[in-house]
Structures are given as C-alpha cells and as structure tokens.
Amino acid sequence: MLDQLLSGADASTAFDQGGLQDQLKKALAEQALNAEMDHHLAAEAGAGSSRNGYGRKSVVTDTGRMALRCPQTGRRALTRC
C-alpha cells in the first residue's frame, strides 16, 4: 500500500511540509471529523439538525499549519476542529 501511495513521487519528500505525511494527516483528520458529525447527527435524529456544508479551520501540527474542512450543522459549527 505504501508503494502505491509513493508511486510517481520522490520518497525523500514524504516527510517534507506538504508531503505525503501531511496529506495523510489531513485526510485522516477530515475523515474523523466527518465520522464525528455523522455520529452527532445520528444521536440527534429528529431534532432538526442537519449537515450544512463545511467551514475552514487551521490547526498547527508538528510540521506546520494545516487547513482542514470541518463539517457544520445548521445550528452551529463543529467546534472541535
């Protein structure tokens, strides 16, 4: 699987800022936020909450700042980003 991820890329840049490591961190964080929102909405089924697009949040990682797409509900933005 790692070979597939690195195919066509210079493996020496995988740990550079914006490299494969950062791309994987971003993808994992965004998937986790979406899963958390799905869980939140399922728990409040029938309460009038629904997914209402995405916002942007900036987080600081060990390799620098990273912009994440954070899911929002109609009532309030997910603030755990």
PDB file of N, CA and C in Angstrom:
ATOM      1  N   MET A   1       0.832  -1.184   0.000  1.00  0.00           N
ATOM      2  CA  MET A   1       0.000   0.000   0.000  1.00  0.00           C
ATOM      3  C   MET A   1       0.882   1.256   0.000  1.00  0.00           C
ATOM      4  N   LEU A   2       1.942   1.237   0.766  1.00  0.00           N
ATOM      5  CA  LEU A   2       2.849   2.372   0.792  1.00  0.00           C
ATOM      6  C   LEU A   2       3.476   2.596  -0.572  1.00  0.00           C
ATOM      7  N   ASP A   3       3.829   1.528  -1.256  1.00  0.00           N
ATOM      8  CA  ASP A   3       4.388   1.657  -2.600  1.00  0.00           C
ATOM      9  C   ASP A   3       3.402   2.349  -3.537  1.00  0.00           C
ATOM     10  N   GLN A   4       2.112   2.027  -3.397  1.00  0.00           N
ATOM     11  CA  GLN A   4       1.100   2.682  -4.224  1.00  0.00           C
ATOM     12  C   GLN A   4       1.005   4.173  -3.895  1.00  0.00           C
ATOM     13  N   LEU A   5       1.061   4.505  -2.614  1.00  0.00           N
ATOM     14  CA  LEU A   5       0.998   5.911  -2.212  1.00  0.00           C
ATOM     15  C   LEU A   5       2.180   6.705  -2.735  1.00  0.00           C
ATOM     16  N   LEU A   6       3.336   6.064  -2.769  1.00  0.00           N
ATOM     17  CA  LEU A   6       4.547   6.749  -3.198  1.00  0.00           C
ATOM     18  C   LEU A   6       4.811   6.655  -4.698  1.00  0.00           C
ATOM     19  N   SER A   7       3.993   5.905  -5.416  1.00  0.00           N
ATOM     20  CA  SER A   7       4.244   5.746  -6.844  1.00  0.00           C
ATOM     21  C   SER A   7       4.221   7.094  -7.552  1.00  0.00           C
ATOM     22  N   GLY A   8       5.234   7.341  -8.305  1.00  0.00           N
ATOM     23  CA  GLY A   8       5.342   8.590  -9.049  1.00  0.00           C
ATOM     24  C   GLY A   8       5.822   9.758  -8.220  1.00  0.00           C
ATOM     25  N   ALA A   9       6.100   9.539  -6.948  1.00  0.00           N
ATOM     26  CA  ALA A   9       6.567  10.620  -6.074  1.00  0.00           C
ATOM     27  C   ALA A   9       7.977  10.313  -5.594  1.00  0.00           C
ATOM     28  N   ASP A  10       8.676  11.329  -5.230  1.00  0.00           N
ATOM     29  CA  ASP A  10      10.015  11.181  -4.681  1.00  0.00           C
ATOM     30  C   ASP A  10       9.879  10.848  -3.194  1.00  0.00           C
ATOM     31  N   ALA A  11      10.252   9.641  -2.806  1.00  0.00           N
ATOM     32  CA  ALA A  11      10.087   9.181  -1.429  1.00  0.00           C
ATOM     33  C   ALA A  11      10.827  10.073  -0.437  1.00  0.00           C
ATOM     34  N   SER A  12      11.860  10.744  -0.870  1.00  0.00           N
ATOM     35  CA  SER A  12      12.623  11.596   0.056  1.00  0.00           C
ATOM     36  C   SER A  12      11.840  12.837   0.463  1.00  0.00           C
ATOM     37  N   THR A  13      10.767  13.157  -0.236  1.00  0.00           N
ATOM     38  CA  THR A  13       9.957  14.329   0.111  1.00  0.00           C
ATOM     39  C   THR A  13       8.728  13.958   0.946  1.00  0.00           C
ATOM     40  N   ALA A  14       8.559  12.698   1.279  1.00  0.00           N
ATOM     41  CA  ALA A  14       7.365  12.245   2.002  1.00  0.00           C
ATOM     42  C   ALA A  14       7.188  12.941   3.344  1.00  0.00           C
ATOM     43  N   PHE A  15       8.297  13.315   3.991  1.00  0.00           N
ATOM     44  CA  PHE A  15       8.210  13.931   5.306  1.00  0.00           C
ATOM     45  C   PHE A  15       8.370  15.445   5.264  1.00  0.00           C
ATOM     46  N   ASP A  16       8.492  16.020   4.088  1.00  0.00           N
ATOM     47  CA  ASP A  16       8.580  17.470   3.945  1.00  0.00           C
ATOM     48  C   ASP A  16       7.222  18.096   4.217  1.00  0.00           C
ATOM     49  N   GLN A  17       7.222  19.404   4.541  1.00  0.00           N
ATOM     50  CA  GLN A  17       5.955  20.098   4.736  1.00  0.00           C
ATOM     51  C   GLN A  17       5.138  20.009   3.452  1.00  0.00           C
ATOM     52  N   GLY A  18       3.890  19.569   3.569  1.00  0.00           N
ATOM     53  CA  GLY A  18       3.018  19.393   2.418  1.00  0.00           C
ATOM     54  C   GLY A  18       3.234  18.075   1.698  1.00  0.00           C
ATOM     55  N   GLY A  19       4.128  17.250   2.200  1.00  0.00           N
ATOM     56  CA  GLY A  19       4.420  15.957   1.595  1.00  0.00           C
ATOM     57  C   GLY A  19       3.382  14.912   1.969  1.00  0.00           C
ATOM     58  N   LEU A  20       3.700  13.666   1.680  1.00  0.00           N
ATOM     59  CA  LEU A  20       2.765  12.565   1.899  1.00  0.00           C
ATOM     60  C   LEU A  20       2.313  12.480   3.351  1.00  0.00           C
ATOM     61  N   GLN A  21       3.210  12.664   4.302  1.00  0.00           N
ATOM     62  CA  GLN A  21       2.833  12.590   5.711  1.00  0.00           C
ATOM     63  C   GLN A  21       1.769  13.633   6.040  1.00  0.00           C
ATOM     64  N   ASP A  22       1.939  14.858   5.590  1.00  0.00           N
ATOM     65  CA  ASP A  22       0.945  15.903   5.839  1.00  0.00           C
ATOM     66  C   ASP A  22      -0.369  15.602   5.130  1.00  0.00           C
ATOM     67  N   GLN A  23      -0.293  15.075   3.930  1.00  0.00           N
ATOM     68  CA  GLN A  23      -1.511  14.728   3.199  1.00  0.00           C
ATOM     69  C   GLN A  23      -2.294  13.650   3.928  1.00  0.00           C
ATOM     70  N   LEU A  24      -1.585  12.660   4.476  1.00  0.00           N
ATOM     71  CA  LEU A  24      -2.245  11.600   5.230  1.00  0.00           C
ATOM     72  C   LEU A  24      -2.854  12.134   6.527  1.00  0.00           C
ATOM     73  N   LYS A  25      -2.141  13.024   7.226  1.00  0.00           N
ATOM     74  CA  LYS A  25      -2.673  13.624   8.457  1.00  0.00           C
ATOM     75  C   LYS A  25      -3.950  14.399   8.158  1.00  0.00           C
ATOM     76  N   LYS A  26      -3.937  15.174   7.087  1.00  0.00           N
ATOM     77  CA  LYS A  26      -5.102  15.975   6.714  1.00  0.00           C
ATOM     78  C   LYS A  26      -6.292  15.075   6.372  1.00  0.00           C
ATOM     79  N   ALA A  27      -6.044  14.056   5.565  1.00  0.00           N
ATOM     80  CA  ALA A  27      -7.125  13.144   5.163  1.00  0.00           C
ATOM     81  C   ALA A  27      -7.705  12.423   6.375  1.00  0.00           C
ATOM     82  N   LEU A  28      -6.857  11.955   7.278  1.00  0.00           N
ATOM     83  CA  LEU A  28      -7.326  11.253   8.467  1.00  0.00           C
ATOM     84  C   LEU A  28      -8.126  12.186   9.374  1.00  0.00           C
ATOM     85  N   ALA A  29      -7.658  13.401   9.587  1.00  0.00           N
ATOM     86  CA  ALA A  29      -8.368  14.356  10.437  1.00  0.00           C
ATOM     87  C   ALA A  29      -9.740  14.693   9.852  1.00  0.00           C
ATOM     88  N   GLU A  30      -9.805  14.927   8.547  1.00  0.00           N
ATOM     89  CA  GLU A  30     -11.076  15.275   7.919  1.00  0.00           C
ATOM     90  C   GLU A  30     -12.048  14.095   7.955  1.00  0.00           C
ATOM     91  N   GLN A  31     -11.548  12.879   7.767  1.00  0.00           N
ATOM     92  CA  GLN A  31     -12.412  11.690   7.860  1.00  0.00           C
ATOM     93  C   GLN A  31     -12.948  11.540   9.284  1.00  0.00           C
ATOM     94  N   ALA A  32     -12.097  11.774  10.279  1.00  0.00           N
ATOM     95  CA  ALA A  32     -12.525  11.663  11.674  1.00  0.00           C
ATOM     96  C   ALA A  32     -13.581  12.714  12.006  1.00  0.00           C
ATOM     97  N   LEU A  33     -13.404  13.942  11.525  1.00  0.00           N
ATOM     98  CA  LEU A  33     -14.393  14.992  11.766  1.00  0.00           C
ATOM     99  C   LEU A  33     -15.730  14.654  11.114  1.00  0.00           C
ATOM    100  N   ASN A  34     -15.700  14.112   9.910  1.00  0.00           N
ATOM    101  CA  ASN A  34     -16.943  13.708   9.246  1.00  0.00           C
ATOM    102  C   ASN A  34     -17.621  12.564   9.991  1.00  0.00           C
ATOM    103  N   ALA A  35     -16.843  11.606  10.484  1.00  0.00           N
ATOM    104  CA  ALA A  35     -17.411  10.498  11.245  1.00  0.00           C
ATOM    105  C   ALA A  35     -18.028  11.010  12.547  1.00  0.00           C
ATOM    106  N   GLU A  36     -17.355  11.967  13.204  1.00  0.00           N
ATOM    107  CA  GLU A  36     -17.897  12.545  14.428  1.00  0.00           C
ATOM    108  C   GLU A  36     -19.215  13.257  14.139  1.00  0.00           C
ATOM    109  N   MET A  37     -19.289  13.986  13.021  1.00  0.00           N
ATOM    110  CA  MET A  37     -20.529  14.679  12.665  1.00  0.00           C
ATOM    111  C   MET A  37     -21.639  13.667  12.363  1.00  0.00           C
ATOM    112  N   ASP A  38     -21.314  12.593  11.652  1.00  0.00           N
ATOM    113  CA  ASP A  38     -22.308  11.551  11.376  1.00  0.00           C
ATOM    114  C   ASP A  38     -22.861  10.984  12.682  1.00  0.00           C
ATOM    115  N   HIS A  39     -21.970  10.713  13.631  1.00  0.00           N
ATOM    116  CA  HIS A  39     -22.380  10.177  14.935  1.00  0.00           C
ATOM    117  C   HIS A  39     -23.263  11.191  15.672  1.00  0.00           C
ATOM    118  N   HIS A  40     -22.866  12.441  15.646  1.00  0.00           N
ATOM    119  CA  HIS A  40     -23.621  13.513  16.303  1.00  0.00           C
ATOM    120  C   HIS A  40     -25.022  13.625  15.706  1.00  0.00           C
ATOM    121  N   LEU A  41     -25.117  13.613  14.390  1.00  0.00           N
ATOM    122  CA  LEU A  41     -26.422  13.750  13.732  1.00  0.00           C
ATOM    123  C   LEU A  41     -27.301  12.531  13.969  1.00  0.00           C
ATOM    124  N   ALA A  42     -26.700  11.346  14.014  1.00  0.00           N
ATOM    125  CA  ALA A  42     -27.476  10.127  14.279  1.00  0.00           C
ATOM    126  C   ALA A  42     -28.043  10.152  15.694  1.00  0.00           C
ATOM    127  N   ALA A  43     -27.276  10.676  16.642  1.00  0.00           N
ATOM    128  CA  ALA A  43     -27.723  10.750  18.035  1.00  0.00           C
ATOM    129  C   ALA A  43     -28.855  11.757  18.204  1.00  0.00           C
ATOM    130  N   GLU A  44     -28.888  12.779  17.364  1.00  0.00           N
ATOM    131  CA  GLU A  44     -29.922  13.804  17.453  1.00  0.00           C
ATOM    132  C   GLU A  44     -30.971  13.656  16.351  1.00  0.00           C
ATOM    133  N   ALA A  45     -31.164  12.461  15.859  1.00  0.00           N
ATOM    134  CA  ALA A  45     -32.142  12.232  14.786  1.00  0.00           C
ATOM    135  C   ALA A  45     -33.499  12.801  15.190  1.00  0.00           C
ATOM    136  N   GLY A  46     -34.076  13.568  14.306  1.00  0.00           N
ATOM    137  CA  GLY A  46     -35.374  14.163  14.561  1.00  0.00           C
ATOM    138  C   GLY A  46     -35.318  15.473  15.336  1.00  0.00           C
ATOM    139  N   ALA A  47     -34.126  15.920  15.711  1.00  0.00           N
ATOM    140  CA  ALA A  47     -34.006  17.155  16.495  1.00  0.00           C
ATOM    141  C   ALA A  47     -33.849  18.388  15.613  1.00  0.00           C
ATOM    142  N   GLY A  48     -33.882  18.212  14.305  1.00  0.00           N
ATOM    143  CA  GLY A  48     -33.788  19.350  13.408  1.00  0.00           C
ATOM    144  C   GLY A  48     -32.380  19.689  12.967  1.00  0.00           C
ATOM    145  N   SER A  49     -31.402  18.946  13.415  1.00  0.00           N
ATOM    146  CA  SER A  49     -30.028  19.203  12.982  1.00  0.00           C
ATOM    147  C   SER A  49     -29.766  18.508  11.660  1.00  0.00           C
ATOM    148  N   SER A  50     -28.987  19.149  10.831  1.00  0.00           N
ATOM    149  CA  SER A  50     -28.581  18.527   9.578  1.00  0.00           C
ATOM    150  C   SER A  50     -27.244  19.117   9.159  1.00  0.00           C
ATOM    151  N   ARG A  51     -26.553  18.383   8.334  1.00  0.00           N
ATOM    152  CA  ARG A  51     -25.273  18.856   7.818  1.00  0.00           C
ATOM    153  C   ARG A  51     -25.547  20.084   6.955  1.00  0.00           C
ATOM    154  N   ASN A  52     -24.729  21.103   7.121  1.00  0.00           N
ATOM    155  CA  ASN A  52     -24.968  22.354   6.420  1.00  0.00           C
ATOM    156  C   ASN A  52     -23.663  22.877   5.819  1.00  0.00           C
ATOM    157  N   GLY A  53     -22.976  22.042   5.089  1.00  0.00           N
ATOM    158  CA  GLY A  53     -21.755  22.475   4.434  1.00  0.00           C
ATOM    159  C   GLY A  53     -20.519  22.287   5.282  1.00  0.00           C
ATOM    160  N   TYR A  54     -19.489  23.025   4.912  1.00  0.00           N
ATOM    161  CA  TYR A  54     -18.187  22.906   5.562  1.00  0.00           C
ATOM    162  C   TYR A  54     -17.621  24.280   5.845  1.00  0.00           C
ATOM    163  N   GLY A  55     -16.862  24.357   6.908  1.00  0.00           N
ATOM    164  CA  GLY A  55     -16.113  25.552   7.243  1.00  0.00           C
ATOM    165  C   GLY A  55     -14.634  25.227   7.169  1.00  0.00           C
ATOM    166  N   ARG A  56     -13.817  26.210   7.406  1.00  0.00           N
ATOM    167  CA  ARG A  56     -12.364  26.024   7.388  1.00  0.00           C
ATOM    168  C   ARG A  56     -11.816  26.293   8.778  1.00  0.00           C
ATOM    169  N   LYS A  57     -10.941  25.435   9.215  1.00  0.00           N
ATOM    170  CA  LYS A  57     -10.220  25.629  10.467  1.00  0.00           C
ATOM    171  C   LYS A  57      -8.748  25.392  10.186  1.00  0.00           C
ATOM    172  N   SER A  58      -7.919  26.124  10.878  1.00  0.00           N
ATOM    173  CA  SER A  58      -6.483  25.961  10.744  1.00  0.00           C
ATOM    174  C   SER A  58      -5.962  25.313  12.025  1.00  0.00           C
ATOM    175  N   VAL A  59      -5.184  24.261  11.878  1.00  0.00           N
ATOM    176  CA  VAL A  59      -4.587  23.591  13.027  1.00  0.00           C
ATOM    177  C   VAL A  59      -3.072  23.605  12.863  1.00  0.00           C
ATOM    178  N   VAL A  60      -2.388  23.530  13.979  1.00  0.00           N
ATOM    179  CA  VAL A  60      -0.929  23.503  13.953  1.00  0.00           C
ATOM    180  C   VAL A  60      -0.485  22.078  14.250  1.00  0.00           C
ATOM    181  N   THR A  61       0.361  21.541  13.385  1.00  0.00           N
ATOM    182  CA  THR A  61       0.908  20.205  13.572  1.00  0.00           C
ATOM    183  C   THR A  61       2.410  20.318  13.780  1.00  0.00           C
ATOM    184  N   ASP A  62       3.050  19.196  13.952  1.00  0.00           N
ATOM    185  CA  ASP A  62       4.500  19.213  14.148  1.00  0.00           C
ATOM    186  C   ASP A  62       5.257  19.661  12.901  1.00  0.00           C
ATOM    187  N   THR A  63       4.581  19.683  11.746  1.00  0.00           N
ATOM    188  CA  THR A  63       5.239  20.130  10.509  1.00  0.00           C
ATOM    189  C   THR A  63       4.731  21.480  10.028  1.00  0.00           C
ATOM    190  N   GLY A  64       3.852  22.122  10.787  1.00  0.00           N
ATOM    191  CA  GLY A  64       3.368  23.445  10.403  1.00  0.00           C
ATOM    192  C   GLY A  64       1.855  23.537  10.434  1.00  0.00           C
ATOM    193  N   ARG A  65       1.330  24.636   9.899  1.00  0.00           N
ATOM    194  CA  ARG A  65      -0.125  24.862   9.848  1.00  0.00           C
ATOM    195  C   ARG A  65      -0.760  24.009   8.765  1.00  0.00           C
ATOM    196  N   MET A  66      -2.012  23.609   9.040  1.00  0.00           N
ATOM    197  CA  MET A  66      -2.760  22.808   8.081  1.00  0.00           C
ATOM    198  C   MET A  66      -4.210  23.278   8.099  1.00  0.00           C
ATOM    199  N   ALA A  67      -4.784  23.532   6.931  1.00  0.00           N
ATOM    200  CA  ALA A  67      -6.184  23.936   6.824  1.00  0.00           C
ATOM    201  C   ALA A  67      -7.044  22.691   6.661  1.00  0.00           C
ATOM    202  N   LEU A  68      -8.080  22.586   7.500  1.00  0.00           N
ATOM    203  CA  LEU A  68      -8.999  21.452   7.442  1.00  0.00           C
ATOM    204  C   LEU A  68     -10.388  21.920   7.040  1.00  0.00           C
ATOM    205  N   ARG A  69     -11.098  21.069   6.316  1.00  0.00           N
ATOM    206  CA  ARG A  69     -12.515  21.305   6.025  1.00  0.00           C
ATOM    207  C   ARG A  69     -13.299  20.667   7.158  1.00  0.00           C
ATOM    208  N   CYS A  70     -14.044  21.474   7.916  1.00  0.00           N
ATOM    209  CA  CYS A  70     -14.796  20.988   9.069  1.00  0.00           C
ATOM    210  C   CYS A  70     -16.284  21.007   8.766  1.00  0.00           C
ATOM    211  N   PRO A  71     -16.957  19.875   8.962  1.00  0.00           N
ATOM    212  CA  PRO A  71     -18.399  19.848   8.711  1.00  0.00           C
ATOM    213  C   PRO A  71     -19.140  20.730   9.713  1.00  0.00           C
ATOM    214  N   GLN A  72     -20.254  21.294   9.268  1.00  0.00           N
ATOM    215  CA  GLN A  72     -21.081  22.152  10.109  1.00  0.00           C
ATOM    216  C   GLN A  72     -22.507  21.640  10.098  1.00  0.00           C
ATOM    217  N   THR A  73     -23.249  21.992  11.146  1.00  0.00           N
ATOM    218  CA  THR A  73     -24.688  21.739  11.165  1.00  0.00           C
ATOM    219  C   THR A  73     -25.395  23.068  10.975  1.00  0.00           C
ATOM    220  N   GLY A  74     -26.688  23.003  10.771  1.00  0.00           N
ATOM    221  CA  GLY A  74     -27.462  24.220  10.607  1.00  0.00           C
ATOM    222  C   GLY A  74     -27.487  25.072  11.858  1.00  0.00           C
ATOM    223  N   ARG A  75     -27.312  24.439  13.031  1.00  0.00           N
ATOM    224  CA  ARG A  75     -27.375  25.186  14.293  1.00  0.00           C
ATOM    225  C   ARG A  75     -26.046  25.797  14.686  1.00  0.00           C
ATOM    226  N   ARG A  76     -24.945  25.060  14.491  1.00  0.00           N
ATOM    227  CA  ARG A  76     -23.650  25.590  14.907  1.00  0.00           C
ATOM    228  C   ARG A  76     -22.545  24.804  14.210  1.00  0.00           C
ATOM    229  N   ALA A  77     -21.418  25.407  14.116  1.00  0.00           N
ATOM    230  CA  ALA A  77     -20.262  24.731  13.522  1.00  0.00           C
ATOM    231  C   ALA A  77     -19.692  23.733  14.522  1.00  0.00           C
ATOM    232  N   LEU A  78     -19.114  22.681  14.012  1.00  0.00           N
ATOM    233  CA  LEU A  78     -18.415  21.736  14.869  1.00  0.00           C
ATOM    234  C   LEU A  78     -17.179  22.433  15.414  1.00  0.00           C
ATOM    235  N   THR A  79     -17.095  22.603  16.700  1.00  0.00           N
ATOM    236  CA  THR A  79     -16.038  23.434  17.272  1.00  0.00           C
ATOM    237  C   THR A  79     -14.834  22.648  17.706  1.00  0.00           C
ATOM    238  N   ARG A  80     -14.807  21.345  17.544  1.00  0.00           N
ATOM    239  CA  ARG A  80     -13.679  20.561  17.994  1.00  0.00           C
ATOM    240  C   ARG A  80     -12.536  20.572  17.007  1.00  0.00           C
ATOM    241  N   CYS A  81     -12.678  21.231  15.887  1.00  0.00           N
ATOM    242  CA  CYS A  81     -11.603  21.324  14.907  1.00  0.00           C
ATOM    243  C   CYS A  81     -10.429  22.049  15.484  1.00  0.00           C
TER     244      CYS A  81
END
